[in-house]
Amino acid sequence: MSAKELPTPEEMQAMAEVDLKNIDTSNLIDIEQVKIRTELPQEERIADYIHQIKNPYCYISHGVAVKISFTGKCTLEESLNRCISL
């Protein structure tokens, strides 16, 4: 995945399936270090966010390893679209 392309569905699924219990947390990105580049078009902004965070399902927040998941109708992509759209 380059800095300006979105991961494939298979890559996203692999990221979602990561078990936080079996991950080296020193490899996780601190979400406080991620910068949303509002000057980019929406799709590039999302791709840039994913490129920075490495795995949007697992990251560090305030010193704590976080694993997120989605149930129901909302997907990560839909959530990112809502959060990053300005």
PDB file of N, CA and C in Angstrom:
ATOM      1  N   MET A   1       0.842  -1.185   0.000  1.00  0.00           N
ATOM      2  CA  MET A   1       0.000   0.000   0.000  1.00  0.00           C
ATOM      3  C   MET A   1       0.879   1.237   0.000  1.00  0.00           C
ATOM      4  N   SER A   2       0.686   2.121  -0.955  1.00  0.00           N
ATOM      5  CA  SER A   2       1.425   3.378  -0.975  1.00  0.00           C
ATOM      6  C   SER A   2       0.723   4.375  -0.066  1.00  0.00           C
ATOM      7  N   ALA A   3       1.354   5.530   0.122  1.00  0.00           N
ATOM      8  CA  ALA A   3       0.812   6.539   1.035  1.00  0.00           C
ATOM      9  C   ALA A   3      -0.541   7.061   0.578  1.00  0.00           C
ATOM     10  N   LYS A   4      -0.871   6.918  -0.704  1.00  0.00           N
ATOM     11  CA  LYS A   4      -2.104   7.514  -1.199  1.00  0.00           C
ATOM     12  C   LYS A   4      -3.117   6.499  -1.698  1.00  0.00           C
ATOM     13  N   GLU A   5      -2.919   5.238  -1.407  1.00  0.00           N
ATOM     14  CA  GLU A   5      -3.925   4.258  -1.801  1.00  0.00           C
ATOM     15  C   GLU A   5      -4.448   3.539  -0.560  1.00  0.00           C
ATOM     16  N   LEU A   6      -5.707   3.182  -0.640  1.00  0.00           N
ATOM     17  CA  LEU A   6      -6.332   2.481   0.475  1.00  0.00           C
ATOM     18  C   LEU A   6      -5.921   1.018   0.473  1.00  0.00           C
ATOM     19  N   PRO A   7      -5.882   0.407   1.644  1.00  0.00           N
ATOM     20  CA  PRO A   7      -5.597  -1.033   1.703  1.00  0.00           C
ATOM     21  C   PRO A   7      -6.712  -1.811   1.007  1.00  0.00           C
ATOM     22  N   THR A   8      -6.374  -2.993   0.545  1.00  0.00           N
ATOM     23  CA  THR A   8      -7.384  -3.859  -0.062  1.00  0.00           C
ATOM     24  C   THR A   8      -8.319  -4.361   1.039  1.00  0.00           C
ATOM     25  N   PRO A   9      -9.487  -4.851   0.666  1.00  0.00           N
ATOM     26  CA  PRO A   9     -10.366  -5.444   1.671  1.00  0.00           C
ATOM     27  C   PRO A   9      -9.683  -6.571   2.448  1.00  0.00           C
ATOM     28  N   GLU A  10      -8.858  -7.346   1.770  1.00  0.00           N
ATOM     29  CA  GLU A  10      -8.151  -8.440   2.439  1.00  0.00           C
ATOM     30  C   GLU A  10      -7.149  -7.892   3.459  1.00  0.00           C
ATOM     31  N   GLU A  11      -6.443  -6.817   3.104  1.00  0.00           N
ATOM     32  CA  GLU A  11      -5.504  -6.193   4.038  1.00  0.00           C
ATOM     33  C   GLU A  11      -6.244  -5.617   5.243  1.00  0.00           C
ATOM     34  N   MET A  12      -7.384  -4.990   4.997  1.00  0.00           N
ATOM     35  CA  MET A  12      -8.171  -4.436   6.100  1.00  0.00           C
ATOM     36  C   MET A  12      -8.664  -5.550   7.019  1.00  0.00           C
ATOM     37  N   GLN A  13      -9.099  -6.666   6.433  1.00  0.00           N
ATOM     38  CA  GLN A  13      -9.570  -7.800   7.234  1.00  0.00           C
ATOM     39  C   GLN A  13      -8.439  -8.354   8.089  1.00  0.00           C
ATOM     40  N   ALA A  14      -7.253  -8.457   7.515  1.00  0.00           N
ATOM     41  CA  ALA A  14      -6.096  -8.947   8.273  1.00  0.00           C
ATOM     42  C   ALA A  14      -5.782  -8.002   9.438  1.00  0.00           C
ATOM     43  N   MET A  15      -5.879  -6.693   9.209  1.00  0.00           N
ATOM     44  CA  MET A  15      -5.652  -5.725  10.289  1.00  0.00           C
ATOM     45  C   MET A  15      -6.694  -5.892  11.392  1.00  0.00           C
ATOM     46  N   ALA A  16      -7.943  -6.102  10.999  1.00  0.00           N
ATOM     47  CA  ALA A  16      -9.026  -6.243  11.971  1.00  0.00           C
ATOM     48  C   ALA A  16      -8.877  -7.503  12.808  1.00  0.00           C
ATOM     49  N   GLU A  17      -8.259  -8.531  12.263  1.00  0.00           N
ATOM     50  CA  GLU A  17      -8.142  -9.814  12.950  1.00  0.00           C
ATOM     51  C   GLU A  17      -6.936  -9.919  13.882  1.00  0.00           C
ATOM     52  N   VAL A  18      -6.118  -8.882  13.943  1.00  0.00           N
ATOM     53  CA  VAL A  18      -4.948  -8.904  14.824  1.00  0.00           C
ATOM     54  C   VAL A  18      -5.418  -9.073  16.271  1.00  0.00           C
ATOM     55  N   ASP A  19      -4.783 -10.000  16.993  1.00  0.00           N
ATOM     56  CA  ASP A  19      -5.104 -10.238  18.401  1.00  0.00           C
ATOM     57  C   ASP A  19      -4.183  -9.376  19.257  1.00  0.00           C
ATOM     58  N   LEU A  20      -4.749  -8.441  19.974  1.00  0.00           N
ATOM     59  CA  LEU A  20      -3.968  -7.513  20.785  1.00  0.00           C
ATOM     60  C   LEU A  20      -3.124  -8.241  21.827  1.00  0.00           C
ATOM     61  N   LYS A  21      -3.571  -9.415  22.261  1.00  0.00           N
ATOM     62  CA  LYS A  21      -2.814 -10.186  23.248  1.00  0.00           C
ATOM     63  C   LYS A  21      -1.501 -10.713  22.682  1.00  0.00           C
ATOM     64  N   ASN A  22      -1.441 -10.872  21.355  1.00  0.00           N
ATOM     65  CA  ASN A  22      -0.264 -11.468  20.718  1.00  0.00           C
ATOM     66  C   ASN A  22       0.554 -10.457  19.918  1.00  0.00           C
ATOM     67  N   ILE A  23       0.357  -9.172  20.159  1.00  0.00           N
ATOM     68  CA  ILE A  23       1.065  -8.156  19.384  1.00  0.00           C
ATOM     69  C   ILE A  23       2.121  -7.475  20.243  1.00  0.00           C
ATOM     70  N   ASP A  24       3.228  -7.124  19.631  1.00  0.00           N
ATOM     71  CA  ASP A  24       4.272  -6.358  20.307  1.00  0.00           C
ATOM     72  C   ASP A  24       3.812  -4.900  20.331  1.00  0.00           C
ATOM     73  N   THR A  25       3.379  -4.433  21.473  1.00  0.00           N
ATOM     74  CA  THR A  25       2.806  -3.082  21.559  1.00  0.00           C
ATOM     75  C   THR A  25       3.824  -1.995  21.235  1.00  0.00           C
ATOM     76  N   SER A  26       5.109  -2.311  21.261  1.00  0.00           N
ATOM     77  CA  SER A  26       6.106  -1.305  20.880  1.00  0.00           C
ATOM     78  C   SER A  26       6.025  -0.996  19.382  1.00  0.00           C
ATOM     79  N   ASN A  27       5.350  -1.848  18.621  1.00  0.00           N
ATOM     80  CA  ASN A  27       5.169  -1.607  17.184  1.00  0.00           C
ATOM     81  C   ASN A  27       3.897  -0.814  16.872  1.00  0.00           C
ATOM     82  N   LEU A  28       3.081  -0.557  17.892  1.00  0.00           N
ATOM     83  CA  LEU A  28       1.855   0.206  17.661  1.00  0.00           C
ATOM     84  C   LEU A  28       2.153   1.701  17.609  1.00  0.00           C
ATOM     85  N   ILE A  29       1.335   2.413  16.867  1.00  0.00           N
ATOM     86  CA  ILE A  29       1.494   3.854  16.692  1.00  0.00           C
ATOM     87  C   ILE A  29       0.641   4.589  17.727  1.00  0.00           C
ATOM     88  N   ASP A  30       1.204   5.637  18.311  1.00  0.00           N
ATOM     89  CA  ASP A  30       0.465   6.494  19.239  1.00  0.00           C
ATOM     90  C   ASP A  30      -0.428   7.412  18.414  1.00  0.00           C
ATOM     91  N   ILE A  31      -1.725   7.318  18.627  1.00  0.00           N
ATOM     92  CA  ILE A  31      -2.681   8.086  17.836  1.00  0.00           C
ATOM     93  C   ILE A  31      -2.472   9.594  17.994  1.00  0.00           C
ATOM     94  N   GLU A  32      -1.858  10.009  19.095  1.00  0.00           N
ATOM     95  CA  GLU A  32      -1.577  11.436  19.297  1.00  0.00           C
ATOM     96  C   GLU A  32      -0.545  11.947  18.291  1.00  0.00           C
ATOM     97  N   GLN A  33       0.222  11.064  17.688  1.00  0.00           N
ATOM     98  CA  GLN A  33       1.240  11.456  16.711  1.00  0.00           C
ATOM     99  C   GLN A  33       0.692  11.539  15.280  1.00  0.00           C
ATOM    100  N   VAL A  34      -0.526  11.065  15.087  1.00  0.00           N
ATOM    101  CA  VAL A  34      -1.139  11.063  13.758  1.00  0.00           C
ATOM    102  C   VAL A  34      -1.749  12.436  13.486  1.00  0.00           C
ATOM    103  N   LYS A  35      -1.453  12.967  12.331  1.00  0.00           N
ATOM    104  CA  LYS A  35      -1.968  14.277  11.926  1.00  0.00           C
ATOM    105  C   LYS A  35      -2.917  14.103  10.748  1.00  0.00           C
ATOM    106  N   ILE A  36      -4.124  14.640  10.882  1.00  0.00           N
ATOM    107  CA  ILE A  36      -5.097  14.608   9.799  1.00  0.00           C
ATOM    108  C   ILE A  36      -4.771  15.756   8.844  1.00  0.00           C
ATOM    109  N   ARG A  37      -4.474  15.413   7.616  1.00  0.00           N
ATOM    110  CA  ARG A  37      -4.094  16.422   6.619  1.00  0.00           C
ATOM    111  C   ARG A  37      -5.344  16.880   5.878  1.00  0.00           C
ATOM    112  N   THR A  38      -5.967  17.923   6.402  1.00  0.00           N
ATOM    113  CA  THR A  38      -7.249  18.396   5.889  1.00  0.00           C
ATOM    114  C   THR A  38      -7.176  18.952   4.474  1.00  0.00           C
ATOM    115  N   GLU A  39      -5.975  19.243   3.990  1.00  0.00           N
ATOM    116  CA  GLU A  39      -5.852  19.777   2.633  1.00  0.00           C
ATOM    117  C   GLU A  39      -6.007  18.698   1.564  1.00  0.00           C
ATOM    118  N   LEU A  40      -5.939  17.434   1.962  1.00  0.00           N
ATOM    119  CA  LEU A  40      -6.062  16.328   1.005  1.00  0.00           C
ATOM    120  C   LEU A  40      -7.523  16.044   0.692  1.00  0.00           C
ATOM    121  N   PRO A  41      -7.805  15.544  -0.513  1.00  0.00           N
ATOM    122  CA  PRO A  41      -9.160  15.065  -0.805  1.00  0.00           C
ATOM    123  C   PRO A  41      -9.506  13.923   0.153  1.00  0.00           C
ATOM    124  N   GLN A  42     -10.777  13.687   0.359  1.00  0.00           N
ATOM    125  CA  GLN A  42     -11.233  12.738   1.375  1.00  0.00           C
ATOM    126  C   GLN A  42     -10.594  11.358   1.259  1.00  0.00           C
ATOM    127  N   GLU A  43     -10.588  10.745   0.089  1.00  0.00           N
ATOM    128  CA  GLU A  43     -10.029   9.390  -0.036  1.00  0.00           C
ATOM    129  C   GLU A  43      -8.535   9.389   0.278  1.00  0.00           C
ATOM    130  N   GLU A  44      -7.814  10.401  -0.188  1.00  0.00           N
ATOM    131  CA  GLU A  44      -6.385  10.489   0.111  1.00  0.00           C
ATOM    132  C   GLU A  44      -6.155  10.750   1.600  1.00  0.00           C
ATOM    133  N   ARG A  45      -7.036  11.528   2.212  1.00  0.00           N
ATOM    134  CA  ARG A  45      -6.937  11.814   3.647  1.00  0.00           C
ATOM    135  C   ARG A  45      -7.083  10.529   4.453  1.00  0.00           C
ATOM    136  N   ILE A  46      -8.028   9.686   4.069  1.00  0.00           N
ATOM    137  CA  ILE A  46      -8.226   8.406   4.759  1.00  0.00           C
ATOM    138  C   ILE A  46      -7.017   7.505   4.543  1.00  0.00           C
ATOM    139  N   ALA A  47      -6.541   7.429   3.297  1.00  0.00           N
ATOM    140  CA  ALA A  47      -5.366   6.599   2.998  1.00  0.00           C
ATOM    141  C   ALA A  47      -4.150   7.098   3.776  1.00  0.00           C
ATOM    142  N   ASP A  48      -3.979   8.415   3.868  1.00  0.00           N
ATOM    143  CA  ASP A  48      -2.860   8.985   4.609  1.00  0.00           C
ATOM    144  C   ASP A  48      -2.975   8.650   6.101  1.00  0.00           C
ATOM    145  N   TYR A  49      -4.180   8.734   6.641  1.00  0.00           N
ATOM    146  CA  TYR A  49      -4.405   8.377   8.049  1.00  0.00           C
ATOM    147  C   TYR A  49      -4.006   6.915   8.287  1.00  0.00           C
ATOM    148  N   ILE A  50      -4.473   6.021   7.428  1.00  0.00           N
ATOM    149  CA  ILE A  50      -4.155   4.601   7.589  1.00  0.00           C
ATOM    150  C   ILE A  50      -2.651   4.378   7.425  1.00  0.00           C
ATOM    151  N   HIS A  51      -2.033   5.079   6.495  1.00  0.00           N
ATOM    152  CA  HIS A  51      -0.582   4.964   6.303  1.00  0.00           C
ATOM    153  C   HIS A  51       0.157   5.383   7.577  1.00  0.00           C
ATOM    154  N   GLN A  52      -0.304   6.449   8.230  1.00  0.00           N
ATOM    155  CA  GLN A  52       0.348   6.922   9.453  1.00  0.00           C
ATOM    156  C   GLN A  52       0.117   5.976  10.636  1.00  0.00           C
ATOM    157  N   ILE A  53      -1.116   5.521  10.823  1.00  0.00           N
ATOM    158  CA  ILE A  53      -1.475   4.725  12.004  1.00  0.00           C
ATOM    159  C   ILE A  53      -1.072   3.263  11.834  1.00  0.00           C
ATOM    160  N   LYS A  54      -0.794   2.850  10.609  1.00  0.00           N
ATOM    161  CA  LYS A  54      -0.398   1.476  10.240  1.00  0.00           C
ATOM    162  C   LYS A  54      -1.548   0.490  10.342  1.00  0.00           C
ATOM    163  N   ASN A  55      -2.184   0.407  11.484  1.00  0.00           N
ATOM    164  CA  ASN A  55      -3.345  -0.461  11.659  1.00  0.00           C
ATOM    165  C   ASN A  55      -4.401   0.333  12.416  1.00  0.00           C
ATOM    166  N   PRO A  56      -5.464   0.776  11.719  1.00  0.00           N
ATOM    167  CA  PRO A  56      -6.482   1.592  12.383  1.00  0.00           C
ATOM    168  C   PRO A  56      -7.302   0.840  13.430  1.00  0.00           C
ATOM    169  N   TYR A  57      -7.136  -0.468  13.511  1.00  0.00           N
ATOM    170  CA  TYR A  57      -7.838  -1.265  14.504  1.00  0.00           C
ATOM    171  C   TYR A  57      -7.049  -1.416  15.800  1.00  0.00           C
ATOM    172  N   CYS A  58      -5.740  -1.195  15.766  1.00  0.00           N
ATOM    173  CA  CYS A  58      -4.882  -1.342  16.942  1.00  0.00           C
ATOM    174  C   CYS A  58      -3.903  -0.177  16.999  1.00  0.00           C
ATOM    175  N   TYR A  59      -3.896   0.523  18.108  1.00  0.00           N
ATOM    176  CA  TYR A  59      -2.987   1.652  18.263  1.00  0.00           C
ATOM    177  C   TYR A  59      -2.829   1.969  19.743  1.00  0.00           C
ATOM    178  N   ILE A  60      -1.996   2.943  20.050  1.00  0.00           N
ATOM    179  CA  ILE A  60      -1.803   3.405  21.425  1.00  0.00           C
ATOM    180  C   ILE A  60      -2.571   4.703  21.618  1.00  0.00           C
ATOM    181  N   SER A  61      -3.295   4.816  22.710  1.00  0.00           N
ATOM    182  CA  SER A  61      -4.007   6.043  23.062  1.00  0.00           C
ATOM    183  C   SER A  61      -3.755   6.332  24.531  1.00  0.00           C
ATOM    184  N   HIS A  62      -3.112   7.462  24.817  1.00  0.00           N
ATOM    185  CA  HIS A  62      -2.792   7.863  26.190  1.00  0.00           C
ATOM    186  C   HIS A  62      -2.034   6.762  26.924  1.00  0.00           C
ATOM    187  N   GLY A  63      -1.106   6.112  26.199  1.00  0.00           N
ATOM    188  CA  GLY A  63      -0.261   5.093  26.799  1.00  0.00           C
ATOM    189  C   GLY A  63      -0.877   3.711  26.910  1.00  0.00           C
ATOM    190  N   VAL A  64      -2.097   3.541  26.416  1.00  0.00           N
ATOM    191  CA  VAL A  64      -2.803   2.267  26.523  1.00  0.00           C
ATOM    192  C   VAL A  64      -3.003   1.678  25.128  1.00  0.00           C
ATOM    193  N   ALA A  65      -2.712   0.392  24.986  1.00  0.00           N
ATOM    194  CA  ALA A  65      -2.964  -0.291  23.716  1.00  0.00           C
ATOM    195  C   ALA A  65      -4.471  -0.445  23.533  1.00  0.00           C
ATOM    196  N   VAL A  66      -4.955  -0.072  22.364  1.00  0.00           N
ATOM    197  CA  VAL A  66      -6.389  -0.082  22.067  1.00  0.00           C
ATOM    198  C   VAL A  66      -6.636  -0.975  20.858  1.00  0.00           C
ATOM    199  N   LYS A  67      -7.687  -1.774  20.931  1.00  0.00           N
ATOM    200  CA  LYS A  67      -8.148  -2.580  19.796  1.00  0.00           C
ATOM    201  C   LYS A  67      -9.609  -2.230  19.609  1.00  0.00           C
ATOM    202  N   ILE A  68      -9.971  -1.769  18.412  1.00  0.00           N
ATOM    203  CA  ILE A  68     -11.363  -1.432  18.153  1.00  0.00           C
ATOM    204  C   ILE A  68     -11.965  -2.440  17.192  1.00  0.00           C
ATOM    205  N   SER A  69     -13.266  -2.564  17.248  1.00  0.00           N
ATOM    206  CA  SER A  69     -13.992  -3.407  16.300  1.00  0.00           C
ATOM    207  C   SER A  69     -15.350  -2.772  16.072  1.00  0.00           C
ATOM    208  N   PHE A  70     -16.013  -3.215  15.035  1.00  0.00           N
ATOM    209  CA  PHE A  70     -17.288  -2.643  14.661  1.00  0.00           C
ATOM    210  C   PHE A  70     -18.323  -3.742  14.556  1.00  0.00           C
ATOM    211  N   THR A  71     -19.506  -3.448  15.024  1.00  0.00           N
ATOM    212  CA  THR A  71     -20.617  -4.374  14.885  1.00  0.00           C
ATOM    213  C   THR A  71     -21.756  -3.643  14.198  1.00  0.00           C
ATOM    214  N   GLY A  72     -22.657  -4.390  13.664  1.00  0.00           N
ATOM    215  CA  GLY A  72     -23.798  -3.764  13.022  1.00  0.00           C
ATOM    216  C   GLY A  72     -23.464  -3.223  11.649  1.00  0.00           C
ATOM    217  N   LYS A  73     -24.054  -2.082  11.325  1.00  0.00           N
ATOM    218  CA  LYS A  73     -23.975  -1.533   9.978  1.00  0.00           C
ATOM    219  C   LYS A  73     -22.741  -0.687   9.729  1.00  0.00           C
ATOM    220  N   CYS A  74     -22.084  -0.212  10.748  1.00  0.00           N
ATOM    221  CA  CYS A  74     -20.976   0.723  10.593  1.00  0.00           C
ATOM    222  C   CYS A  74     -19.658  -0.007  10.366  1.00  0.00           C
ATOM    223  N   THR A  75     -18.954   0.352   9.305  1.00  0.00           N
ATOM    224  CA  THR A  75     -17.631  -0.205   9.037  1.00  0.00           C
ATOM    225  C   THR A  75     -16.572   0.815   9.397  1.00  0.00           C
ATOM    226  N   LEU A  76     -15.332   0.381   9.451  1.00  0.00           N
ATOM    227  CA  LEU A  76     -14.231   1.304   9.709  1.00  0.00           C
ATOM    228  C   LEU A  76     -14.198   2.398   8.652  1.00  0.00           C
ATOM    229  N   GLU A  77     -14.353   2.013   7.393  1.00  0.00           N
ATOM    230  CA  GLU A  77     -14.302   2.988   6.316  1.00  0.00           C
ATOM    231  C   GLU A  77     -15.388   4.049   6.486  1.00  0.00           C
ATOM    232  N   GLU A  78     -16.603   3.638   6.855  1.00  0.00           N
ATOM    233  CA  GLU A  78     -17.696   4.591   7.063  1.00  0.00           C
ATOM    234  C   GLU A  78     -17.387   5.501   8.251  1.00  0.00           C
ATOM    235  N   SER A  79     -16.844   4.926   9.312  1.00  0.00           N
ATOM    236  CA  SER A  79     -16.485   5.739  10.481  1.00  0.00           C
ATOM    237  C   SER A  79     -15.392   6.747  10.138  1.00  0.00           C
ATOM    238  N   LEU A  80     -14.374   6.298   9.403  1.00  0.00           N
ATOM    239  CA  LEU A  80     -13.308   7.214   8.995  1.00  0.00           C
ATOM    240  C   LEU A  80     -13.851   8.311   8.094  1.00  0.00           C
ATOM    241  N   ASN A  81     -14.743   7.963   7.201  1.00  0.00           N
ATOM    242  CA  ASN A  81     -15.349   8.988   6.335  1.00  0.00           C
ATOM    243  C   ASN A  81     -16.031  10.058   7.163  1.00  0.00           C
ATOM    244  N   ARG A  82     -16.769   9.658   8.182  1.00  0.00           N
ATOM    245  CA  ARG A  82     -17.463  10.643   9.041  1.00  0.00           C
ATOM    246  C   ARG A  82     -16.468  11.458   9.860  1.00  0.00           C
ATOM    247  N   CYS A  83     -15.434  10.818  10.384  1.00  0.00           N
ATOM    248  CA  CYS A  83     -14.484  11.509  11.248  1.00  0.00           C
ATOM    249  C   CYS A  83     -13.543  12.436  10.489  1.00  0.00           C
ATOM    250  N   ILE A  84     -13.162  12.041   9.300  1.00  0.00           N
ATOM    251  CA  ILE A  84     -12.144  12.773   8.574  1.00  0.00           C
ATOM    252  C   ILE A  84     -12.740  13.779   7.591  1.00  0.00           C
ATOM    253  N   SER A  85     -14.010  13.648   7.275  1.00  0.00           N
ATOM    254  CA  SER A  85     -14.643  14.599   6.358  1.00  0.00           C
ATOM    255  C   SER A  85     -14.789  15.940   7.040  1.00  0.00           C
ATOM    256  N   LEU A  86     -14.250  16.937   6.416  1.00  0.00           N
ATOM    257  CA  LEU A  86     -14.336  18.292   6.979  1.00  0.00           C
ATOM    258  C   LEU A  86     -14.920  19.245   5.974  1.00  0.00           C
TER     259      LEU A  86
END
